[in-house]
PDB file of N, CA and C in Angstrom:
ATOM      1  N   PRO A   1     -78.442 -83.153 189.622  1.00  0.00           N
ATOM      2  CA  PRO A   1     -79.828 -83.597 189.568  1.00  0.00           C
ATOM      3  C   PRO A   1     -80.476 -83.753 190.951  1.00  0.00           C
ATOM      4  N   GLU A   2     -79.678 -84.097 191.966  1.00  0.00           N
ATOM      5  CA  GLU A   2     -80.253 -84.318 193.293  1.00  0.00           C
ATOM      6  C   GLU A   2     -80.904 -83.064 193.857  1.00  0.00           C
ATOM      7  N   ILE A   3     -80.363 -81.891 193.497  1.00  0.00           N
ATOM      8  CA  ILE A   3     -80.887 -80.643 194.058  1.00  0.00           C
ATOM      9  C   ILE A   3     -81.518 -79.743 192.986  1.00  0.00           C
ATOM     10  N   ASN A   4     -81.707 -80.262 191.783  1.00  0.00           N
ATOM     11  CA  ASN A   4     -82.344 -79.518 190.686  1.00  0.00           C
ATOM     12  C   ASN A   4     -81.656 -78.191 190.396  1.00  0.00           C
ATOM     13  N   ARG A   5     -80.336 -78.173 190.460  1.00  0.00           N
ATOM     14  CA  ARG A   5     -79.575 -76.955 190.192  1.00  0.00           C
ATOM     15  C   ARG A   5     -78.495 -77.235 189.158  1.00  0.00           C
ATOM     16  N   ALA A   6     -78.258 -76.243 188.321  1.00  0.00           N
ATOM     17  CA  ALA A   6     -77.111 -76.242 187.422  1.00  0.00           C
ATOM     18  C   ALA A   6     -76.118 -75.246 187.995  1.00  0.00           C
ATOM     19  N   TYR A   7     -74.864 -75.351 187.594  1.00  0.00           N
ATOM     20  CA  TYR A   7     -73.876 -74.406 188.096  1.00  0.00           C
ATOM     21  C   TYR A   7     -72.873 -74.053 187.006  1.00  0.00           C
ATOM     22  N   VAL A   8     -72.214 -72.939 187.204  1.00  0.00           N
ATOM     23  CA  VAL A   8     -71.076 -72.540 186.392  1.00  0.00           C
ATOM     24  C   VAL A   8     -70.110 -71.816 187.321  1.00  0.00           C
ATOM     25  N   THR A   9     -68.821 -71.980 187.061  1.00  0.00           N
ATOM     26  CA  THR A   9     -67.824 -71.245 187.836  1.00  0.00           C
ATOM     27  C   THR A   9     -67.143 -70.238 186.926  1.00  0.00           C
ATOM     28  N   ILE A  10     -66.906 -69.064 187.456  1.00  0.00           N
ATOM     29  CA  ILE A  10     -66.134 -68.039 186.771  1.00  0.00           C
ATOM     30  C   ILE A  10     -65.117 -67.536 187.784  1.00  0.00           C
ATOM     31  N   ASP A  11     -63.870 -67.883 187.533  1.00  0.00           N
ATOM     32  CA  ASP A  11     -62.777 -67.548 188.453  1.00  0.00           C
ATOM     33  C   ASP A  11     -63.082 -68.101 189.845  1.00  0.00           C
ATOM     34  N   ASN A  12     -63.211 -67.247 190.840  1.00  0.00           N
ATOM     35  CA  ASN A  12     -63.425 -67.714 192.212  1.00  0.00           C
ATOM     36  C   ASN A  12     -64.899 -67.714 192.619  1.00  0.00           C
ATOM     37  N   ARG A  13     -65.791 -67.519 191.663  1.00  0.00           N
ATOM     38  CA  ARG A  13     -67.225 -67.472 191.978  1.00  0.00           C
ATOM     39  C   ARG A  13     -67.946 -68.707 191.425  1.00  0.00           C
ATOM     40  N   VAL A  14     -68.947 -69.143 192.179  1.00  0.00           N
ATOM     41  CA  VAL A  14     -69.805 -70.261 191.763  1.00  0.00           C
ATOM     42  C   VAL A  14     -71.226 -69.729 191.677  1.00  0.00           C
ATOM     43  N   PHE A  15     -71.865 -69.948 190.544  1.00  0.00           N
ATOM     44  CA  PHE A  15     -73.251 -69.541 190.321  1.00  0.00           C
ATOM     45  C   PHE A  15     -74.104 -70.794 190.216  1.00  0.00           C
ATOM     46  N   LEU A  16     -75.190 -70.844 190.982  1.00  0.00           N
ATOM     47  CA  LEU A  16     -76.131 -71.963 190.920  1.00  0.00           C
ATOM     48  C   LEU A  16     -77.521 -71.422 190.654  1.00  0.00           C
ATOM     49  N   TRP A  17     -78.310 -72.152 189.866  1.00  0.00           N
ATOM     50  CA  TRP A  17     -79.684 -71.745 189.605  1.00  0.00           C
ATOM     51  C   TRP A  17     -80.556 -72.975 189.432  1.00  0.00           C
ATOM     52  N   ASN A  18     -81.825 -72.799 189.732  1.00  0.00           N
ATOM     53  CA  ASN A  18     -82.820 -73.859 189.615  1.00  0.00           C
ATOM     54  C   ASN A  18     -83.170 -74.021 188.144  1.00  0.00           C
ATOM     55  N   TYR A  19     -82.847 -75.157 187.554  1.00  0.00           N
ATOM     56  CA  TYR A  19     -83.110 -75.351 186.127  1.00  0.00           C
ATOM     57  C   TYR A  19     -84.558 -75.737 185.843  1.00  0.00           C
ATOM     58  N   ASP A  20     -85.342 -76.030 186.880  1.00  0.00           N
ATOM     59  CA  ASP A  20     -86.754 -76.335 186.660  1.00  0.00           C
ATOM     60  C   ASP A  20     -87.570 -75.091 186.349  1.00  0.00           C
ATOM     61  N   ASP A  21     -87.344 -74.016 187.131  1.00  0.00           N
ATOM     62  CA  ASP A  21     -88.134 -72.809 186.910  1.00  0.00           C
ATOM     63  C   ASP A  21     -87.292 -71.547 186.730  1.00  0.00           C
ATOM     64  N   GLY A  22     -85.974 -71.629 186.970  1.00  0.00           N
ATOM     65  CA  GLY A  22     -85.087 -70.496 186.764  1.00  0.00           C
ATOM     66  C   GLY A  22     -85.220 -69.370 187.777  1.00  0.00           C
ATOM     67  N   ARG A  23     -86.037 -69.549 188.808  1.00  0.00           N
ATOM     68  CA  ARG A  23     -86.273 -68.460 189.768  1.00  0.00           C
ATOM     69  C   ARG A  23     -85.179 -68.336 190.814  1.00  0.00           C
ATOM     70  N   ASP A  24     -84.698 -69.428 191.344  1.00  0.00           N
ATOM     71  CA  ASP A  24     -83.732 -69.394 192.438  1.00  0.00           C
ATOM     72  C   ASP A  24     -82.319 -69.290 191.879  1.00  0.00           C
ATOM     73  N   PHE A  25     -81.607 -68.222 192.224  1.00  0.00           N
ATOM     74  CA  PHE A  25     -80.260 -67.961 191.737  1.00  0.00           C
ATOM     75  C   PHE A  25     -79.377 -67.666 192.933  1.00  0.00           C
ATOM     76  N   CYS A  26     -78.231 -68.340 193.026  1.00  0.00           N
ATOM     77  CA  CYS A  26     -77.361 -68.200 194.180  1.00  0.00           C
ATOM     78  C   CYS A  26     -75.923 -68.012 193.701  1.00  0.00           C
ATOM     79  N   VAL A  27     -75.188 -67.113 194.341  1.00  0.00           N
ATOM     80  CA  VAL A  27     -73.784 -66.858 194.012  1.00  0.00           C
ATOM     81  C   VAL A  27     -72.953 -67.040 195.279  1.00  0.00           C
ATOM     82  N   TYR A  28     -71.843 -67.754 195.151  1.00  0.00           N
ATOM     83  CA  TYR A  28     -70.888 -67.852 196.249  1.00  0.00           C
ATOM     84  C   TYR A  28     -69.556 -67.315 195.756  1.00  0.00           C
ATOM     85  N   ASP A  29     -69.013 -66.325 196.456  1.00  0.00           N
ATOM     86  CA  ASP A  29     -67.738 -65.727 196.058  1.00  0.00           C
ATOM     87  C   ASP A  29     -66.789 -65.591 197.249  1.00  0.00           C
ATOM     88  N   GLY A  30     -66.845 -66.533 198.154  1.00  0.00           N
ATOM     89  CA  GLY A  30     -66.049 -66.464 199.372  1.00  0.00           C
ATOM     90  C   GLY A  30     -64.654 -67.059 199.275  1.00  0.00           C
ATOM     91  N   LEU A  31     -64.206 -67.409 198.073  1.00  0.00           N
ATOM     92  CA  LEU A  31     -62.876 -67.983 197.913  1.00  0.00           C
ATOM     93  C   LEU A  31     -61.949 -66.976 197.245  1.00  0.00           C
ATOM     94  N   ASP A  32     -60.652 -67.093 197.536  1.00  0.00           N
ATOM     95  CA  ASP A  32     -59.664 -66.216 196.912  1.00  0.00           C
ATOM     96  C   ASP A  32     -59.070 -66.810 195.647  1.00  0.00           C
ATOM     97  N   GLN A  33     -59.195 -68.111 195.463  1.00  0.00           N
ATOM     98  CA  GLN A  33     -58.581 -68.810 194.345  1.00  0.00           C
ATOM     99  C   GLN A  33     -59.620 -69.224 193.302  1.00  0.00           C
ATOM    100  N   VAL A  34     -59.151 -69.564 192.116  1.00  0.00           N
ATOM    101  CA  VAL A  34     -60.006 -70.039 191.040  1.00  0.00           C
ATOM    102  C   VAL A  34     -60.565 -71.412 191.404  1.00  0.00           C
ATOM    103  N   VAL A  35     -61.855 -71.595 191.218  1.00  0.00           N
ATOM    104  CA  VAL A  35     -62.490 -72.891 191.470  1.00  0.00           C
ATOM    105  C   VAL A  35     -62.220 -73.794 190.272  1.00  0.00           C
ATOM    106  N   VAL A  36     -61.604 -74.966 190.521  1.00  0.00           N
ATOM    107  CA  VAL A  36     -61.241 -75.876 189.435  1.00  0.00           C
ATOM    108  C   VAL A  36     -62.125 -77.114 189.379  1.00  0.00           C
ATOM    109  N   ALA A  37     -62.845 -77.417 190.456  1.00  0.00           N
ATOM    110  CA  ALA A  37     -63.751 -78.567 190.466  1.00  0.00           C
ATOM    111  C   ALA A  37     -64.841 -78.339 191.504  1.00  0.00           C
ATOM    112  N   VAL A  38     -66.028 -78.896 191.205  1.00  0.00           N
ATOM    113  CA  VAL A  38     -67.196 -78.762 192.084  1.00  0.00           C
ATOM    114  C   VAL A  38     -67.853 -80.124 192.211  1.00  0.00           C
ATOM    115  N   GLY A  39     -68.311 -80.451 193.398  1.00  0.00           N
ATOM    116  CA  GLY A  39     -69.040 -81.688 193.614  1.00  0.00           C
ATOM    117  C   GLY A  39     -70.096 -81.499 194.688  1.00  0.00           C
ATOM    118  N   LEU A  40     -71.033 -82.434 194.720  1.00  0.00           N
ATOM    119  CA  LEU A  40     -72.108 -82.412 195.710  1.00  0.00           C
ATOM    120  C   LEU A  40     -72.101 -83.736 196.447  1.00  0.00           C
ATOM    121  N   ALA A  41     -72.214 -83.676 197.761  1.00  0.00           N
ATOM    122  CA  ALA A  41     -72.214 -84.902 198.558  1.00  0.00           C
ATOM    123  C   ALA A  41     -73.304 -84.826 199.615  1.00  0.00           C
ATOM    124  N   PRO A  42     -74.006 -85.940 199.847  1.00  0.00           N
ATOM    125  CA  PRO A  42     -74.952 -85.960 200.960  1.00  0.00           C
ATOM    126  C   PRO A  42     -74.167 -85.937 202.269  1.00  0.00           C
ATOM    127  N   VAL A  43     -74.743 -85.357 203.293  1.00  0.00           N
ATOM    128  CA  VAL A  43     -74.036 -85.292 204.573  1.00  0.00           C
ATOM    129  C   VAL A  43     -74.249 -86.577 205.366  1.00  0.00           C
ATOM    130  N   LYS A  44     -73.263 -86.876 206.169  1.00  0.00           N
ATOM    131  CA  LYS A  44     -73.394 -88.001 207.078  1.00  0.00           C
ATOM    132  C   LYS A  44     -74.300 -87.585 208.235  1.00  0.00           C
ATOM    133  N   PRO A  45     -75.061 -88.502 208.791  1.00  0.00           N
ATOM    134  CA  PRO A  45     -75.963 -88.166 209.901  1.00  0.00           C
ATOM    135  C   PRO A  45     -75.208 -87.597 211.098  1.00  0.00           C
ATOM    136  N   ASN A  46     -75.821 -86.626 211.765  1.00  0.00           N
ATOM    137  CA  ASN A  46     -75.332 -86.030 213.010  1.00  0.00           C
ATOM    138  C   ASN A  46     -74.020 -85.252 212.873  1.00  0.00           C
ATOM    139  N   VAL A  47     -73.692 -84.820 211.655  1.00  0.00           N
ATOM    140  CA  VAL A  47     -72.499 -84.002 211.471  1.00  0.00           C
ATOM    141  C   VAL A  47     -72.874 -82.524 211.429  1.00  0.00           C
ATOM    142  N   PHE A  48     -73.973 -82.210 210.752  1.00  0.00           N
ATOM    143  CA  PHE A  48     -74.446 -80.838 210.625  1.00  0.00           C
ATOM    144  C   PHE A  48     -75.845 -80.743 211.231  1.00  0.00           C
ATOM    145  N   VAL A  49     -76.378 -79.526 211.296  1.00  0.00           N
ATOM    146  CA  VAL A  49     -77.750 -79.353 211.763  1.00  0.00           C
ATOM    147  C   VAL A  49     -78.694 -80.041 210.783  1.00  0.00           C
ATOM    148  N   ASP A  50     -79.908 -80.320 211.212  1.00  0.00           N
ATOM    149  CA  ASP A  50     -80.857 -81.087 210.407  1.00  0.00           C
ATOM    150  C   ASP A  50     -81.224 -80.423 209.082  1.00  0.00           C
ATOM    151  N   ASP A  51     -81.141 -79.094 209.000  1.00  0.00           N
ATOM    152  CA  ASP A  51     -81.490 -78.393 207.762  1.00  0.00           C
ATOM    153  C   ASP A  51     -80.497 -78.647 206.631  1.00  0.00           C
ATOM    154  N   VAL A  52     -79.300 -79.082 206.963  1.00  0.00           N
ATOM    155  CA  VAL A  52     -78.254 -79.312 205.954  1.00  0.00           C
ATOM    156  C   VAL A  52     -78.306 -80.761 205.504  1.00  0.00           C
ATOM    157  N   ARG A  53     -78.633 -80.955 204.229  1.00  0.00           N
ATOM    158  CA  ARG A  53     -78.721 -82.308 203.679  1.00  0.00           C
ATOM    159  C   ARG A  53     -77.587 -82.644 202.730  1.00  0.00           C
ATOM    160  N   TYR A  54     -76.898 -81.613 202.240  1.00  0.00           N
ATOM    161  CA  TYR A  54     -75.786 -81.801 201.307  1.00  0.00           C
ATOM    162  C   TYR A  54     -74.658 -80.845 201.646  1.00  0.00           C
ATOM    163  N   VAL A  55     -73.459 -81.168 201.151  1.00  0.00           N
ATOM    164  CA  VAL A  55     -72.355 -80.219 201.150  1.00  0.00           C
ATOM    165  C   VAL A  55     -71.910 -80.032 199.710  1.00  0.00           C
ATOM    166  N   LEU A  56     -71.543 -78.797 199.394  1.00  0.00           N
ATOM    167  CA  LEU A  56     -70.973 -78.480 198.094  1.00  0.00           C
ATOM    168  C   LEU A  56     -69.468 -78.472 198.277  1.00  0.00           C
ATOM    169  N   VAL A  57     -68.772 -79.263 197.485  1.00  0.00           N
ATOM    170  CA  VAL A  57     -67.326 -79.384 197.570  1.00  0.00           C
ATOM    171  C   VAL A  57     -66.724 -78.481 196.499  1.00  0.00           C
ATOM    172  N   LEU A  58     -65.937 -77.504 196.917  1.00  0.00           N
ATOM    173  CA  LEU A  58     -65.275 -76.592 195.985  1.00  0.00           C
ATOM    174  C   LEU A  58     -63.776 -76.799 196.088  1.00  0.00           C
ATOM    175  N   ALA A  59     -63.152 -77.135 194.959  1.00  0.00           N
ATOM    176  CA  ALA A  59     -61.710 -77.363 194.941  1.00  0.00           C
ATOM    177  C   ALA A  59     -61.013 -76.224 194.199  1.00  0.00           C
ATOM    178  N   THR A  60     -59.939 -75.725 194.797  1.00  0.00           N
ATOM    179  CA  THR A  60     -59.083 -74.725 194.174  1.00  0.00           C
ATOM    180  C   THR A  60     -57.669 -75.318 194.139  1.00  0.00           C
ATOM    181  N   PRO A  61     -56.723 -74.674 193.472  1.00  0.00           N
ATOM    182  CA  PRO A  61     -55.353 -75.188 193.500  1.00  0.00           C
ATOM    183  C   PRO A  61     -54.728 -75.154 194.902  1.00  0.00           C
ATOM    184  N   VAL A  62     -55.317 -74.415 195.814  1.00  0.00           N
ATOM    185  CA  VAL A  62     -54.746 -74.249 197.147  1.00  0.00           C
ATOM    186  C   VAL A  62     -55.462 -75.079 198.213  1.00  0.00           C
ATOM    187  N   GLU A  63     -56.809 -75.228 198.093  1.00  0.00           N
ATOM    188  CA  GLU A  63     -57.566 -75.932 199.130  1.00  0.00           C
ATOM    189  C   GLU A  63     -58.851 -76.533 198.576  1.00  0.00           C
ATOM    190  N   VAL A  64     -59.428 -77.425 199.376  1.00  0.00           N
ATOM    191  CA  VAL A  64     -60.749 -77.992 199.110  1.00  0.00           C
ATOM    192  C   VAL A  64     -61.639 -77.564 200.268  1.00  0.00           C
ATOM    193  N   VAL A  65     -62.779 -76.938 199.933  1.00  0.00           N
ATOM    194  CA  VAL A  65     -63.657 -76.321 200.920  1.00  0.00           C
ATOM    195  C   VAL A  65     -65.029 -76.985 200.867  1.00  0.00           C
ATOM    196  N   LEU A  66     -65.663 -77.172 202.031  1.00  0.00           N
ATOM    197  CA  LEU A  66     -67.023 -77.688 202.098  1.00  0.00           C
ATOM    198  C   LEU A  66     -67.977 -76.569 202.485  1.00  0.00           C
ATOM    199  N   LEU A  67     -69.050 -76.413 201.701  1.00  0.00           N
ATOM    200  CA  LEU A  67     -70.117 -75.462 202.020  1.00  0.00           C
ATOM    201  C   LEU A  67     -71.374 -76.243 202.350  1.00  0.00           C
ATOM    202  N   ALA A  68     -72.064 -75.850 203.406  1.00  0.00           N
ATOM    203  CA  ALA A  68     -73.336 -76.483 203.756  1.00  0.00           C
ATOM    204  C   ALA A  68     -74.413 -75.988 202.800  1.00  0.00           C
ATOM    205  N   VAL A  69     -75.237 -76.913 202.308  1.00  0.00           N
ATOM    206  CA  VAL A  69     -76.334 -76.585 201.395  1.00  0.00           C
ATOM    207  C   VAL A  69     -77.646 -76.784 202.149  1.00  0.00           C
ATOM    208  N   ALA A  70     -78.440 -75.718 202.216  1.00  0.00           N
ATOM    209  CA  ALA A  70     -79.741 -75.781 202.892  1.00  0.00           C
ATOM    210  C   ALA A  70     -80.806 -75.215 201.965  1.00  0.00           C
ATOM    211  N   PHE A  71     -82.045 -75.631 202.185  1.00  0.00           N
ATOM    212  CA  PHE A  71     -83.165 -75.199 201.357  1.00  0.00           C
ATOM    213  C   PHE A  71     -84.276 -74.629 202.226  1.00  0.00           C
ATOM    214  N   ALA A  72     -84.925 -73.589 201.713  1.00  0.00           N
ATOM    215  CA  ALA A  72     -86.098 -73.048 202.402  1.00  0.00           C
ATOM    216  C   ALA A  72     -87.171 -74.125 202.460  1.00  0.00           C
ATOM    217  N   ASP A  73     -87.843 -74.232 203.557  1.00  0.00           N
ATOM    218  CA  ASP A  73     -88.900 -75.222 203.793  1.00  0.00           C
ATOM    219  C   ASP A  73     -88.400 -76.659 203.673  1.00  0.00           C
ATOM    220  N   ASP A  74     -87.060 -76.849 203.676  1.00  0.00           N
ATOM    221  CA  ASP A  74     -86.433 -78.171 203.651  1.00  0.00           C
ATOM    222  C   ASP A  74     -86.838 -79.019 202.439  1.00  0.00           C
ATOM    223  N   VAL A  75     -87.096 -78.368 201.296  1.00  0.00           N
ATOM    224  CA  VAL A  75     -87.380 -79.089 200.053  1.00  0.00           C
ATOM    225  C   VAL A  75     -86.445 -78.559 198.974  1.00  0.00           C
ATOM    226  N   VAL A  76     -85.972 -79.432 198.078  1.00  0.00           N
ATOM    227  CA  VAL A  76     -84.995 -79.020 197.072  1.00  0.00           C
ATOM    228  C   VAL A  76     -85.545 -77.985 196.101  1.00  0.00           C
ATOM    229  N   SER A  77     -86.852 -77.856 196.004  1.00  0.00           N
ATOM    230  CA  SER A  77     -87.421 -76.813 195.146  1.00  0.00           C
ATOM    231  C   SER A  77     -87.432 -75.456 195.848  1.00  0.00           C
ATOM    232  N   GLY A  78     -87.134 -75.441 197.151  1.00  0.00           N
ATOM    233  CA  GLY A  78     -87.092 -74.192 197.904  1.00  0.00           C
ATOM    234  C   GLY A  78     -85.832 -73.409 197.613  1.00  0.00           C
ATOM    235  N   GLU A  79     -85.785 -72.185 198.099  1.00  0.00           N
ATOM    236  CA  GLU A  79     -84.621 -71.327 197.874  1.00  0.00           C
ATOM    237  C   GLU A  79     -83.379 -71.940 198.496  1.00  0.00           C
ATOM    238  N   LEU A  80     -82.301 -71.995 197.722  1.00  0.00           N
ATOM    239  CA  LEU A  80     -81.047 -72.594 198.160  1.00  0.00           C
ATOM    240  C   LEU A  80     -80.201 -71.563 198.892  1.00  0.00           C
ATOM    241  N   ALA A  81     -79.548 -71.995 199.963  1.00  0.00           N
ATOM    242  CA  ALA A  81     -78.610 -71.151 200.699  1.00  0.00           C
ATOM    243  C   ALA A  81     -77.324 -71.933 200.931  1.00  0.00           C
ATOM    244  N   LEU A  82     -76.193 -71.276 200.706  1.00  0.00           N
ATOM    245  CA  LEU A  82     -74.885 -71.874 200.944  1.00  0.00           C
ATOM    246  C   LEU A  82     -74.270 -71.226 202.177  1.00  0.00           C
ATOM    247  N   HIS A  83     -73.735 -72.062 203.067  1.00  0.00           N
ATOM    248  CA  HIS A  83     -73.166 -71.572 204.319  1.00  0.00           C
ATOM    249  C   HIS A  83     -71.756 -72.120 204.493  1.00  0.00           C
ATOM    250  N   PRO A  84     -70.780 -71.260 204.764  1.00  0.00           N
ATOM    251  CA  PRO A  84     -69.427 -71.756 205.054  1.00  0.00           C
ATOM    252  C   PRO A  84     -69.449 -72.663 206.279  1.00  0.00           C
ATOM    253  N   THR A  85     -68.707 -73.760 206.213  1.00  0.00           N
ATOM    254  CA  THR A  85     -68.652 -74.695 207.339  1.00  0.00           C
ATOM    255  C   THR A  85     -67.377 -74.546 208.150  1.00  0.00           C
ATOM    256  N   GLY A  86     -66.390 -73.892 207.580  1.00  0.00           N
ATOM    257  CA  GLY A  86     -65.090 -73.843 208.236  1.00  0.00           C
ATOM    258  C   GLY A  86     -64.273 -75.098 208.000  1.00  0.00           C
ATOM    259  N   LEU A  87     -64.822 -76.028 207.222  1.00  0.00           N
ATOM    260  CA  LEU A  87     -64.109 -77.273 206.922  1.00  0.00           C
ATOM    261  C   LEU A  87     -63.381 -77.123 205.595  1.00  0.00           C
ATOM    262  N   ALA A  88     -62.063 -77.246 205.640  1.00  0.00           N
ATOM    263  CA  ALA A  88     -61.235 -77.129 204.446  1.00  0.00           C
ATOM    264  C   ALA A  88     -59.942 -77.896 204.679  1.00  0.00           C
ATOM    265  N   VAL A  89     -59.366 -78.382 203.592  1.00  0.00           N
ATOM    266  CA  VAL A  89     -58.067 -79.044 203.655  1.00  0.00           C
ATOM    267  C   VAL A  89     -57.200 -78.476 202.534  1.00  0.00           C
ATOM    268  N   PRO A  90     -55.892 -78.385 202.765  1.00  0.00           N
ATOM    269  CA  PRO A  90     -55.026 -77.904 201.697  1.00  0.00           C
ATOM    270  C   PRO A  90     -54.935 -78.930 200.574  1.00  0.00           C
ATOM    271  N   SER A  91     -54.822 -78.443 199.351  1.00  0.00           N
ATOM    272  CA  SER A  91     -54.666 -79.352 198.211  1.00  0.00           C
ATOM    273  C   SER A  91     -53.223 -79.415 197.747  1.00  0.00           C
ATOM    274  N   ASP A  92     -52.353 -78.639 198.375  1.00  0.00           N
ATOM    275  CA  ASP A  92     -50.914 -78.695 198.098  1.00  0.00           C
ATOM    276  C   ASP A  92     -50.595 -78.524 196.613  1.00  0.00           C
ATOM    277  N   ASN A  93     -51.293 -77.606 195.960  1.00  0.00           N
ATOM    278  CA  ASN A  93     -51.089 -77.286 194.551  1.00  0.00           C
ATOM    279  C   ASN A  93     -51.339 -78.463 193.609  1.00  0.00           C
ATOM    280  N   VAL A  94     -52.108 -79.445 194.057  1.00  0.00           N
ATOM    281  CA  VAL A  94     -52.557 -80.536 193.185  1.00  0.00           C
ATOM    282  C   VAL A  94     -53.861 -80.081 192.553  1.00  0.00           C
ATOM    283  N   VAL A  95     -53.951 -80.168 191.243  1.00  0.00           N
ATOM    284  CA  VAL A  95     -55.142 -79.686 190.545  1.00  0.00           C
ATOM    285  C   VAL A  95     -56.205 -80.782 190.536  1.00  0.00           C
ATOM    286  N   VAL A  96     -57.243 -80.608 191.346  1.00  0.00           N
ATOM    287  CA  VAL A  96     -58.359 -81.551 191.397  1.00  0.00           C
ATOM    288  C   VAL A  96     -59.170 -81.386 190.116  1.00  0.00           C
ATOM    289  N   GLN A  97     -59.443 -82.494 189.440  1.00  0.00           N
ATOM    290  CA  GLN A  97     -60.194 -82.439 188.198  1.00  0.00           C
ATOM    291  C   GLN A  97     -61.620 -82.951 188.328  1.00  0.00           C
ATOM    292  N   HIS A  98     -61.866 -83.796 189.324  1.00  0.00           N
ATOM    293  CA  HIS A  98     -63.207 -84.364 189.468  1.00  0.00           C
ATOM    294  C   HIS A  98     -63.479 -84.661 190.939  1.00  0.00           C
ATOM    295  N   VAL A  99     -64.719 -84.386 191.356  1.00  0.00           N
ATOM    296  CA  VAL A  99     -65.165 -84.680 192.721  1.00  0.00           C
ATOM    297  C   VAL A  99     -66.375 -85.599 192.610  1.00  0.00           C
ATOM    298  N   ALA A 100     -66.366 -86.677 193.364  1.00  0.00           N
ATOM    299  CA  ALA A 100     -67.494 -87.615 193.382  1.00  0.00           C
ATOM    300  C   ALA A 100     -67.787 -87.990 194.820  1.00  0.00           C
ATOM    301  N   ALA A 101     -69.017 -88.434 195.065  1.00  0.00           N
ATOM    302  CA  ALA A 101     -69.416 -88.823 196.420  1.00  0.00           C
ATOM    303  C   ALA A 101     -70.291 -90.060 196.372  1.00  0.00           C
ATOM    304  N   THR A 102     -70.228 -90.836 197.438  1.00  0.00           N
ATOM    305  CA  THR A 102     -71.111 -91.988 197.565  1.00  0.00           C
ATOM    306  C   THR A 102     -72.416 -91.539 198.202  1.00  0.00           C
ATOM    307  N   ARG A 103     -73.420 -92.379 198.178  1.00  0.00           N
ATOM    308  CA  ARG A 103     -74.707 -92.054 198.806  1.00  0.00           C
ATOM    309  C   ARG A 103     -74.587 -91.891 200.311  1.00  0.00           C
ATOM    310  N   SER A 104     -73.548 -92.519 200.886  1.00  0.00           N
ATOM    311  CA  SER A 104     -73.355 -92.417 202.339  1.00  0.00           C
ATOM    312  C   SER A 104     -72.533 -91.193 202.735  1.00  0.00           C
ATOM    313  N   GLY A 105     -72.086 -90.371 201.761  1.00  0.00           N
ATOM    314  CA  GLY A 105     -71.411 -89.136 202.076  1.00  0.00           C
ATOM    315  C   GLY A 105     -69.900 -89.157 201.997  1.00  0.00           C
ATOM    316  N   ARG A 106     -69.311 -90.245 201.543  1.00  0.00           N
ATOM    317  CA  ARG A 106     -67.853 -90.288 201.367  1.00  0.00           C
ATOM    318  C   ARG A 106     -67.490 -89.502 200.117  1.00  0.00           C
ATOM    319  N   ILE A 107     -66.484 -88.664 200.219  1.00  0.00           N
ATOM    320  CA  ILE A 107     -66.082 -87.783 199.123  1.00  0.00           C
ATOM    321  C   ILE A 107     -64.749 -88.278 198.560  1.00  0.00           C
ATOM    322  N   PHE A 108     -64.697 -88.371 197.222  1.00  0.00           N
ATOM    323  CA  PHE A 108     -63.488 -88.786 196.519  1.00  0.00           C
ATOM    324  C   PHE A 108     -63.123 -87.720 195.493  1.00  0.00           C
ATOM    325  N   MET A 109     -61.830 -87.562 195.249  1.00  0.00           N
ATOM    326  CA  MET A 109     -61.375 -86.593 194.260  1.00  0.00           C
ATOM    327  C   MET A 109     -60.320 -87.237 193.376  1.00  0.00           C
ATOM    328  N   ALA A 110     -60.351 -86.870 192.095  1.00  0.00           N
ATOM    329  CA  ALA A 110     -59.321 -87.286 191.147  1.00  0.00           C
ATOM    330  C   ALA A 110     -58.536 -86.036 190.781  1.00  0.00           C
ATOM    331  N   ALA A 111     -57.213 -86.176 190.722  1.00  0.00           N
ATOM    332  CA  ALA A 111     -56.368 -85.002 190.488  1.00  0.00           C
ATOM    333  C   ALA A 111     -55.289 -85.314 189.463  1.00  0.00           C
ATOM    334  N   ARG A 112     -54.727 -84.252 188.941  1.00  0.00           N
ATOM    335  CA  ARG A 112     -53.607 -84.343 188.022  1.00  0.00           C
ATOM    336  C   ARG A 112     -52.389 -83.855 188.789  1.00  0.00           C
ATOM    337  N   ASP A 113     -51.402 -84.717 188.908  1.00  0.00           N
ATOM    338  CA  ASP A 113     -50.160 -84.282 189.572  1.00  0.00           C
ATOM    339  C   ASP A 113     -48.959 -84.985 189.019  1.00  0.00           C
TER     340      ASP A 113
END
């Protein structure tokens, strides 16, 4: 709801679209593994450039990856762009089932192991 987008994952691809008007459609397929969980977190101040207000958290059985989320004209109704951040941690074959974040940008994950 924060970014007015719905998503679906199919294997290693994530599809996002604007559910208000259906015009903006974005695909990310930069992972080699199946995406098992997705979350959205606000960024902490002074970590990314000013255009990045959120990170998309993608969890696979092998790693958890952060993608920078930016919008055209810096408004959530603008065209969405996803940018690799280079930030990832191994998940050590733990299957993440849920990703949640606080308003201050702390990211939490629940897993089955």
